[in-house]
Amino acid sequence: MADKKAMTKEEIQKEAQARHDRIVADIMEMVKEGKLPEIRCLTRKQRRELDKQKLNYLKTVFQTKETAIGMQEKCYDWILDNVYPDFDFDELPNNICFFFGEAVYNATYSDDFSEKN
């Protein structure tokens, strides 16, 4: 890893994207190996419940001093607990859970219908 002070903004962004891509690839490999459940989008009913709980961070006006990451983590925890109630995520590393929840959330709002059908 290069010295952060010597890196340009573009190099930092490229490095961050590469780290993100590695984590996503690892998660997809864990799904393929059966170590994680299949990533799927929320049903309309589940998405409405997420909204009702005020955990859909793209729709919720922050009324507290909650950070954006804090709101995302609460949202993803709700997804893990309610969309996959039969899977135990509790002993997995938090970063795996965070990115898995993010993948499910993103699938819910993607325009890739082939994954949903």
N, C-alpha and C. Protein backbone atom coordinates (compact mmCIF):
# COMPACT_ATOMS: atom_id res chain seq x y z
N MET A 1 0.85 -1.17 0.00
CA MET A 1 0.00 0.00 0.00
C MET A 1 0.90 1.23 0.00
N ALA A 2 0.59 2.17 -0.84
CA ALA A 2 1.38 3.39 -0.97
C ALA A 2 1.13 4.32 0.21
N ASP A 3 2.10 5.21 0.44
CA ASP A 3 1.97 6.22 1.49
C ASP A 3 0.79 7.12 1.16
N LYS A 4 -0.16 7.26 2.11
CA LYS A 4 -1.38 8.04 1.88
C LYS A 4 -1.07 9.50 1.56
N LYS A 5 -0.02 10.06 2.16
CA LYS A 5 0.31 11.46 1.93
C LYS A 5 0.78 11.70 0.50
N ALA A 6 1.41 10.69 -0.08
CA ALA A 6 1.94 10.84 -1.43
C ALA A 6 0.93 10.47 -2.51
N MET A 7 -0.20 9.89 -2.10
CA MET A 7 -1.19 9.45 -3.08
C MET A 7 -2.09 10.60 -3.49
N THR A 8 -2.49 10.57 -4.75
CA THR A 8 -3.45 11.55 -5.22
C THR A 8 -4.86 11.11 -4.83
N LYS A 9 -5.81 11.99 -4.96
CA LYS A 9 -7.20 11.67 -4.66
C LYS A 9 -7.67 10.50 -5.54
N GLU A 10 -7.29 10.52 -6.78
CA GLU A 10 -7.68 9.46 -7.71
C GLU A 10 -7.08 8.12 -7.31
N GLU A 11 -5.83 8.13 -6.84
CA GLU A 11 -5.18 6.89 -6.42
C GLU A 11 -5.86 6.33 -5.16
N ILE A 12 -6.22 7.21 -4.26
CA ILE A 12 -6.92 6.78 -3.04
C ILE A 12 -8.26 6.17 -3.40
N GLN A 13 -9.00 6.82 -4.32
CA GLN A 13 -10.29 6.30 -4.74
C GLN A 13 -10.14 4.96 -5.44
N LYS A 14 -9.11 4.84 -6.26
CA LYS A 14 -8.87 3.58 -6.97
C LYS A 14 -8.53 2.46 -5.99
N GLU A 15 -7.72 2.77 -4.97
CA GLU A 15 -7.37 1.77 -3.96
C GLU A 15 -8.60 1.36 -3.15
N ALA A 16 -9.42 2.33 -2.78
CA ALA A 16 -10.64 2.02 -2.02
C ALA A 16 -11.59 1.15 -2.85
N GLN A 17 -11.72 1.46 -4.14
CA GLN A 17 -12.58 0.66 -5.01
C GLN A 17 -12.04 -0.76 -5.14
N ALA A 18 -10.72 -0.90 -5.23
CA ALA A 18 -10.11 -2.23 -5.33
C ALA A 18 -10.38 -3.04 -4.06
N ARG A 19 -10.28 -2.40 -2.87
CA ARG A 19 -10.59 -3.09 -1.61
C ARG A 19 -12.04 -3.52 -1.58
N HIS A 20 -12.94 -2.62 -1.99
CA HIS A 20 -14.37 -2.92 -2.03
C HIS A 20 -14.63 -4.10 -2.97
N ASP A 21 -14.03 -4.07 -4.13
CA ASP A 21 -14.21 -5.15 -5.11
C ASP A 21 -13.72 -6.49 -4.57
N ARG A 22 -12.61 -6.48 -3.81
CA ARG A 22 -12.10 -7.73 -3.22
C ARG A 22 -13.09 -8.27 -2.19
N ILE A 23 -13.65 -7.39 -1.37
CA ILE A 23 -14.61 -7.83 -0.35
C ILE A 23 -15.85 -8.41 -1.02
N VAL A 24 -16.36 -7.73 -2.04
CA VAL A 24 -17.53 -8.23 -2.76
C VAL A 24 -17.23 -9.59 -3.39
N ALA A 25 -16.06 -9.74 -3.98
CA ALA A 25 -15.68 -11.03 -4.58
C ALA A 25 -15.61 -12.11 -3.51
N ASP A 26 -15.07 -11.78 -2.34
CA ASP A 26 -15.01 -12.74 -1.24
C ASP A 26 -16.42 -13.15 -0.80
N ILE A 27 -17.31 -12.18 -0.71
CA ILE A 27 -18.68 -12.47 -0.30
C ILE A 27 -19.37 -13.37 -1.33
N MET A 28 -19.18 -13.06 -2.61
CA MET A 28 -19.79 -13.89 -3.65
C MET A 28 -19.22 -15.31 -3.61
N GLU A 29 -17.95 -15.45 -3.28
CA GLU A 29 -17.35 -16.78 -3.15
C GLU A 29 -17.97 -17.52 -1.95
N MET A 30 -18.20 -16.80 -0.85
CA MET A 30 -18.83 -17.41 0.33
C MET A 30 -20.26 -17.86 0.01
N VAL A 31 -20.97 -17.08 -0.80
CA VAL A 31 -22.32 -17.48 -1.22
C VAL A 31 -22.23 -18.76 -2.06
N LYS A 32 -21.29 -18.76 -3.00
CA LYS A 32 -21.11 -19.91 -3.89
C LYS A 32 -20.77 -21.17 -3.09
N GLU A 33 -19.98 -21.02 -2.02
CA GLU A 33 -19.58 -22.15 -1.20
C GLU A 33 -20.65 -22.55 -0.16
N GLY A 34 -21.75 -21.80 -0.11
CA GLY A 34 -22.80 -22.10 0.84
C GLY A 34 -22.55 -21.57 2.24
N LYS A 35 -21.55 -20.72 2.40
CA LYS A 35 -21.22 -20.15 3.71
C LYS A 35 -22.08 -18.92 4.03
N LEU A 36 -22.73 -18.39 3.02
CA LEU A 36 -23.69 -17.30 3.15
C LEU A 36 -24.90 -17.64 2.30
N PRO A 37 -26.07 -17.15 2.67
CA PRO A 37 -27.25 -17.41 1.84
C PRO A 37 -27.18 -16.61 0.53
N GLU A 38 -28.05 -16.95 -0.39
CA GLU A 38 -28.13 -16.22 -1.65
C GLU A 38 -28.54 -14.77 -1.41
N ILE A 39 -27.93 -13.88 -2.15
CA ILE A 39 -28.31 -12.47 -2.08
C ILE A 39 -29.57 -12.29 -2.91
N ARG A 40 -30.57 -11.68 -2.31
CA ARG A 40 -31.81 -11.42 -3.03
C ARG A 40 -32.36 -10.08 -2.57
N CYS A 41 -33.20 -9.51 -3.38
CA CYS A 41 -33.79 -8.23 -3.00
C CYS A 41 -34.91 -8.44 -1.99
N LEU A 42 -35.22 -7.39 -1.26
CA LEU A 42 -36.33 -7.43 -0.33
C LEU A 42 -37.64 -7.51 -1.10
N THR A 43 -38.61 -8.16 -0.52
CA THR A 43 -39.94 -8.12 -1.09
C THR A 43 -40.53 -6.73 -0.80
N ARG A 44 -41.61 -6.41 -1.45
CA ARG A 44 -42.27 -5.13 -1.19
C ARG A 44 -42.68 -5.04 0.29
N LYS A 45 -43.20 -6.13 0.82
CA LYS A 45 -43.62 -6.16 2.22
C LYS A 45 -42.43 -5.90 3.15
N GLN A 46 -41.30 -6.53 2.87
CA GLN A 46 -40.11 -6.33 3.70
C GLN A 46 -39.60 -4.90 3.58
N ARG A 47 -39.59 -4.36 2.37
CA ARG A 47 -39.13 -2.99 2.17
C ARG A 47 -40.04 -2.01 2.90
N ARG A 48 -41.34 -2.26 2.88
CA ARG A 48 -42.28 -1.38 3.59
C ARG A 48 -42.07 -1.46 5.10
N GLU A 49 -41.75 -2.63 5.60
CA GLU A 49 -41.47 -2.77 7.03
C GLU A 49 -40.17 -2.04 7.39
N LEU A 50 -39.18 -2.13 6.53
CA LEU A 50 -37.93 -1.38 6.73
C LEU A 50 -38.22 0.11 6.79
N ASP A 51 -39.08 0.59 5.89
CA ASP A 51 -39.49 2.00 5.90
C ASP A 51 -40.20 2.34 7.20
N LYS A 52 -41.13 1.48 7.61
CA LYS A 52 -41.92 1.71 8.82
C LYS A 52 -41.02 1.81 10.06
N GLN A 53 -39.97 1.01 10.08
CA GLN A 53 -39.03 1.03 11.20
C GLN A 53 -38.08 2.24 11.13
N LYS A 54 -38.23 3.04 10.07
CA LYS A 54 -37.38 4.22 9.83
C LYS A 54 -35.90 3.85 9.73
N LEU A 55 -35.65 2.70 9.08
CA LEU A 55 -34.29 2.23 8.90
C LEU A 55 -33.83 2.28 7.45
N ASN A 56 -34.71 2.69 6.55
CA ASN A 56 -34.34 2.84 5.15
C ASN A 56 -33.62 4.19 5.02
N TYR A 57 -32.31 4.15 5.10
CA TYR A 57 -31.53 5.37 5.24
C TYR A 57 -31.60 6.32 4.03
N LEU A 58 -32.08 5.84 2.91
CA LEU A 58 -32.26 6.75 1.77
C LEU A 58 -33.58 7.51 1.86
N LYS A 59 -34.45 7.09 2.75
CA LYS A 59 -35.76 7.72 2.89
C LYS A 59 -35.97 8.39 4.24
N THR A 60 -35.11 8.13 5.18
CA THR A 60 -35.31 8.61 6.54
C THR A 60 -34.58 9.93 6.75
N VAL A 61 -35.29 10.89 7.29
CA VAL A 61 -34.66 12.15 7.68
C VAL A 61 -34.05 11.91 9.05
N PHE A 62 -32.77 12.14 9.17
CA PHE A 62 -32.08 11.89 10.43
C PHE A 62 -32.56 12.89 11.47
N GLN A 63 -33.19 12.39 12.52
CA GLN A 63 -33.69 13.24 13.61
C GLN A 63 -32.72 13.24 14.78
N THR A 64 -31.73 12.39 14.74
CA THR A 64 -30.77 12.29 15.83
C THR A 64 -29.40 12.65 15.30
N LYS A 65 -28.41 12.49 16.12
CA LYS A 65 -27.04 12.75 15.70
C LYS A 65 -26.38 11.50 15.13
N GLU A 66 -27.21 10.59 14.66
CA GLU A 66 -26.75 9.33 14.08
C GLU A 66 -25.85 9.61 12.87
N THR A 67 -24.79 8.85 12.74
CA THR A 67 -23.93 8.98 11.57
C THR A 67 -24.52 8.18 10.40
N ALA A 68 -24.07 8.49 9.22
CA ALA A 68 -24.54 7.77 8.03
C ALA A 68 -24.19 6.28 8.14
N ILE A 69 -22.98 5.97 8.57
CA ILE A 69 -22.57 4.57 8.72
C ILE A 69 -23.41 3.89 9.79
N GLY A 70 -23.71 4.59 10.87
CA GLY A 70 -24.56 4.03 11.92
C GLY A 70 -25.93 3.68 11.40
N MET A 71 -26.52 4.56 10.58
CA MET A 71 -27.83 4.28 9.99
C MET A 71 -27.75 3.10 9.03
N GLN A 72 -26.70 3.06 8.22
CA GLN A 72 -26.55 1.93 7.30
C GLN A 72 -26.43 0.62 8.08
N GLU A 73 -25.64 0.62 9.13
CA GLU A 73 -25.44 -0.60 9.89
C GLU A 73 -26.75 -1.07 10.52
N LYS A 74 -27.56 -0.16 11.05
CA LYS A 74 -28.86 -0.54 11.61
C LYS A 74 -29.76 -1.12 10.52
N CYS A 75 -29.73 -0.51 9.35
CA CYS A 75 -30.52 -0.99 8.21
C CYS A 75 -30.09 -2.40 7.83
N TYR A 76 -28.78 -2.61 7.70
CA TYR A 76 -28.28 -3.92 7.27
C TYR A 76 -28.52 -4.98 8.35
N ASP A 77 -28.40 -4.60 9.63
CA ASP A 77 -28.71 -5.55 10.69
C ASP A 77 -30.17 -5.98 10.60
N TRP A 78 -31.07 -5.03 10.33
CA TRP A 78 -32.49 -5.37 10.19
C TRP A 78 -32.66 -6.36 9.04
N ILE A 79 -31.99 -6.10 7.93
CA ILE A 79 -32.08 -6.99 6.77
C ILE A 79 -31.60 -8.39 7.13
N LEU A 80 -30.45 -8.50 7.77
CA LEU A 80 -29.92 -9.81 8.14
C LEU A 80 -30.88 -10.55 9.06
N ASP A 81 -31.43 -9.84 10.03
CA ASP A 81 -32.31 -10.48 11.02
C ASP A 81 -33.69 -10.82 10.48
N ASN A 82 -34.20 -10.03 9.54
CA ASN A 82 -35.59 -10.19 9.09
C ASN A 82 -35.74 -10.83 7.71
N VAL A 83 -34.78 -10.66 6.85
CA VAL A 83 -34.86 -11.27 5.52
C VAL A 83 -34.27 -12.68 5.55
N TYR A 84 -33.32 -12.90 6.45
CA TYR A 84 -32.66 -14.20 6.58
C TYR A 84 -32.75 -14.70 8.02
N PRO A 85 -33.98 -14.89 8.55
CA PRO A 85 -34.12 -15.26 9.96
C PRO A 85 -33.54 -16.64 10.30
N ASP A 86 -33.38 -17.50 9.32
CA ASP A 86 -32.88 -18.85 9.58
C ASP A 86 -31.36 -18.97 9.45
N PHE A 87 -30.68 -17.86 9.16
CA PHE A 87 -29.23 -17.89 9.02
C PHE A 87 -28.61 -17.12 10.19
N ASP A 88 -27.61 -17.71 10.84
CA ASP A 88 -26.95 -17.07 11.98
C ASP A 88 -25.72 -16.30 11.51
N PHE A 89 -25.85 -14.98 11.48
CA PHE A 89 -24.75 -14.10 11.07
C PHE A 89 -23.87 -13.69 12.25
N ASP A 90 -24.28 -14.00 13.48
CA ASP A 90 -23.66 -13.43 14.67
C ASP A 90 -22.18 -13.73 14.85
N GLU A 91 -21.69 -14.83 14.37
CA GLU A 91 -20.27 -15.17 14.56
C GLU A 91 -19.41 -14.79 13.35
N LEU A 92 -20.02 -14.22 12.32
CA LEU A 92 -19.26 -13.79 11.15
C LEU A 92 -18.62 -12.43 11.42
N PRO A 93 -17.51 -12.11 10.76
CA PRO A 93 -16.91 -10.79 10.92
C PRO A 93 -17.90 -9.70 10.51
N ASN A 94 -17.88 -8.60 11.23
CA ASN A 94 -18.83 -7.51 10.96
C ASN A 94 -18.71 -6.98 9.54
N ASN A 95 -17.49 -6.91 9.00
CA ASN A 95 -17.35 -6.36 7.65
C ASN A 95 -18.05 -7.24 6.61
N ILE A 96 -18.03 -8.55 6.81
CA ILE A 96 -18.74 -9.46 5.91
C ILE A 96 -20.24 -9.20 6.01
N CYS A 97 -20.74 -9.07 7.23
CA CYS A 97 -22.17 -8.82 7.44
C CYS A 97 -22.57 -7.48 6.84
N PHE A 98 -21.75 -6.46 7.04
CA PHE A 98 -22.05 -5.12 6.52
C PHE A 98 -22.16 -5.15 5.00
N PHE A 99 -21.17 -5.73 4.35
CA PHE A 99 -21.18 -5.75 2.88
C PHE A 99 -22.25 -6.68 2.33
N PHE A 100 -22.56 -7.78 3.03
CA PHE A 100 -23.65 -8.65 2.60
C PHE A 100 -24.97 -7.89 2.68
N GLY A 101 -25.21 -7.21 3.80
CA GLY A 101 -26.42 -6.40 3.94
C GLY A 101 -26.50 -5.32 2.88
N GLU A 102 -25.38 -4.71 2.59
CA GLU A 102 -25.33 -3.69 1.54
C GLU A 102 -25.70 -4.29 0.18
N ALA A 103 -25.21 -5.48 -0.10
CA ALA A 103 -25.50 -6.14 -1.38
C ALA A 103 -27.00 -6.42 -1.51
N VAL A 104 -27.63 -6.87 -0.42
CA VAL A 104 -29.07 -7.13 -0.44
C VAL A 104 -29.83 -5.82 -0.64
N TYR A 105 -29.45 -4.79 0.09
CA TYR A 105 -30.09 -3.48 -0.03
C TYR A 105 -29.96 -2.96 -1.46
N ASN A 106 -28.76 -3.04 -2.01
CA ASN A 106 -28.53 -2.57 -3.38
C ASN A 106 -29.33 -3.39 -4.40
N ALA A 107 -29.45 -4.69 -4.17
CA ALA A 107 -30.24 -5.53 -5.08
C ALA A 107 -31.70 -5.10 -5.07
N THR A 108 -32.18 -4.64 -3.92
CA THR A 108 -33.57 -4.20 -3.78
C THR A 108 -33.87 -3.01 -4.68
N TYR A 109 -32.89 -2.16 -4.86
CA TYR A 109 -33.09 -0.94 -5.65
C TYR A 109 -32.41 -0.99 -7.02
N SER A 110 -31.88 -2.14 -7.39
CA SER A 110 -31.23 -2.24 -8.71
C SER A 110 -32.27 -2.39 -9.81
N ASP A 111 -31.81 -2.24 -11.03
CA ASP A 111 -32.71 -2.43 -12.17
C ASP A 111 -32.40 -3.75 -12.89
N ASP A 112 -31.70 -4.65 -12.22
CA ASP A 112 -31.36 -5.93 -12.81
C ASP A 112 -32.44 -6.95 -12.46
N PHE A 113 -33.44 -7.04 -13.31
CA PHE A 113 -34.56 -7.92 -13.06
C PHE A 113 -34.21 -9.39 -13.20
N SER A 114 -33.14 -9.69 -13.90
CA SER A 114 -32.77 -11.09 -14.08
C SER A 114 -32.39 -11.72 -12.75
N GLU A 115 -31.83 -10.96 -11.81
CA GLU A 115 -31.49 -11.49 -10.49
C GLU A 115 -32.74 -11.73 -9.67
N LYS A 116 -33.78 -10.93 -9.89
CA LYS A 116 -34.98 -10.99 -9.07
C LYS A 116 -35.95 -12.06 -9.53
N ASN A 117 -35.89 -12.46 -10.76
CA ASN A 117 -36.86 -13.43 -11.30
C ASN A 117 -36.28 -14.81 -11.43
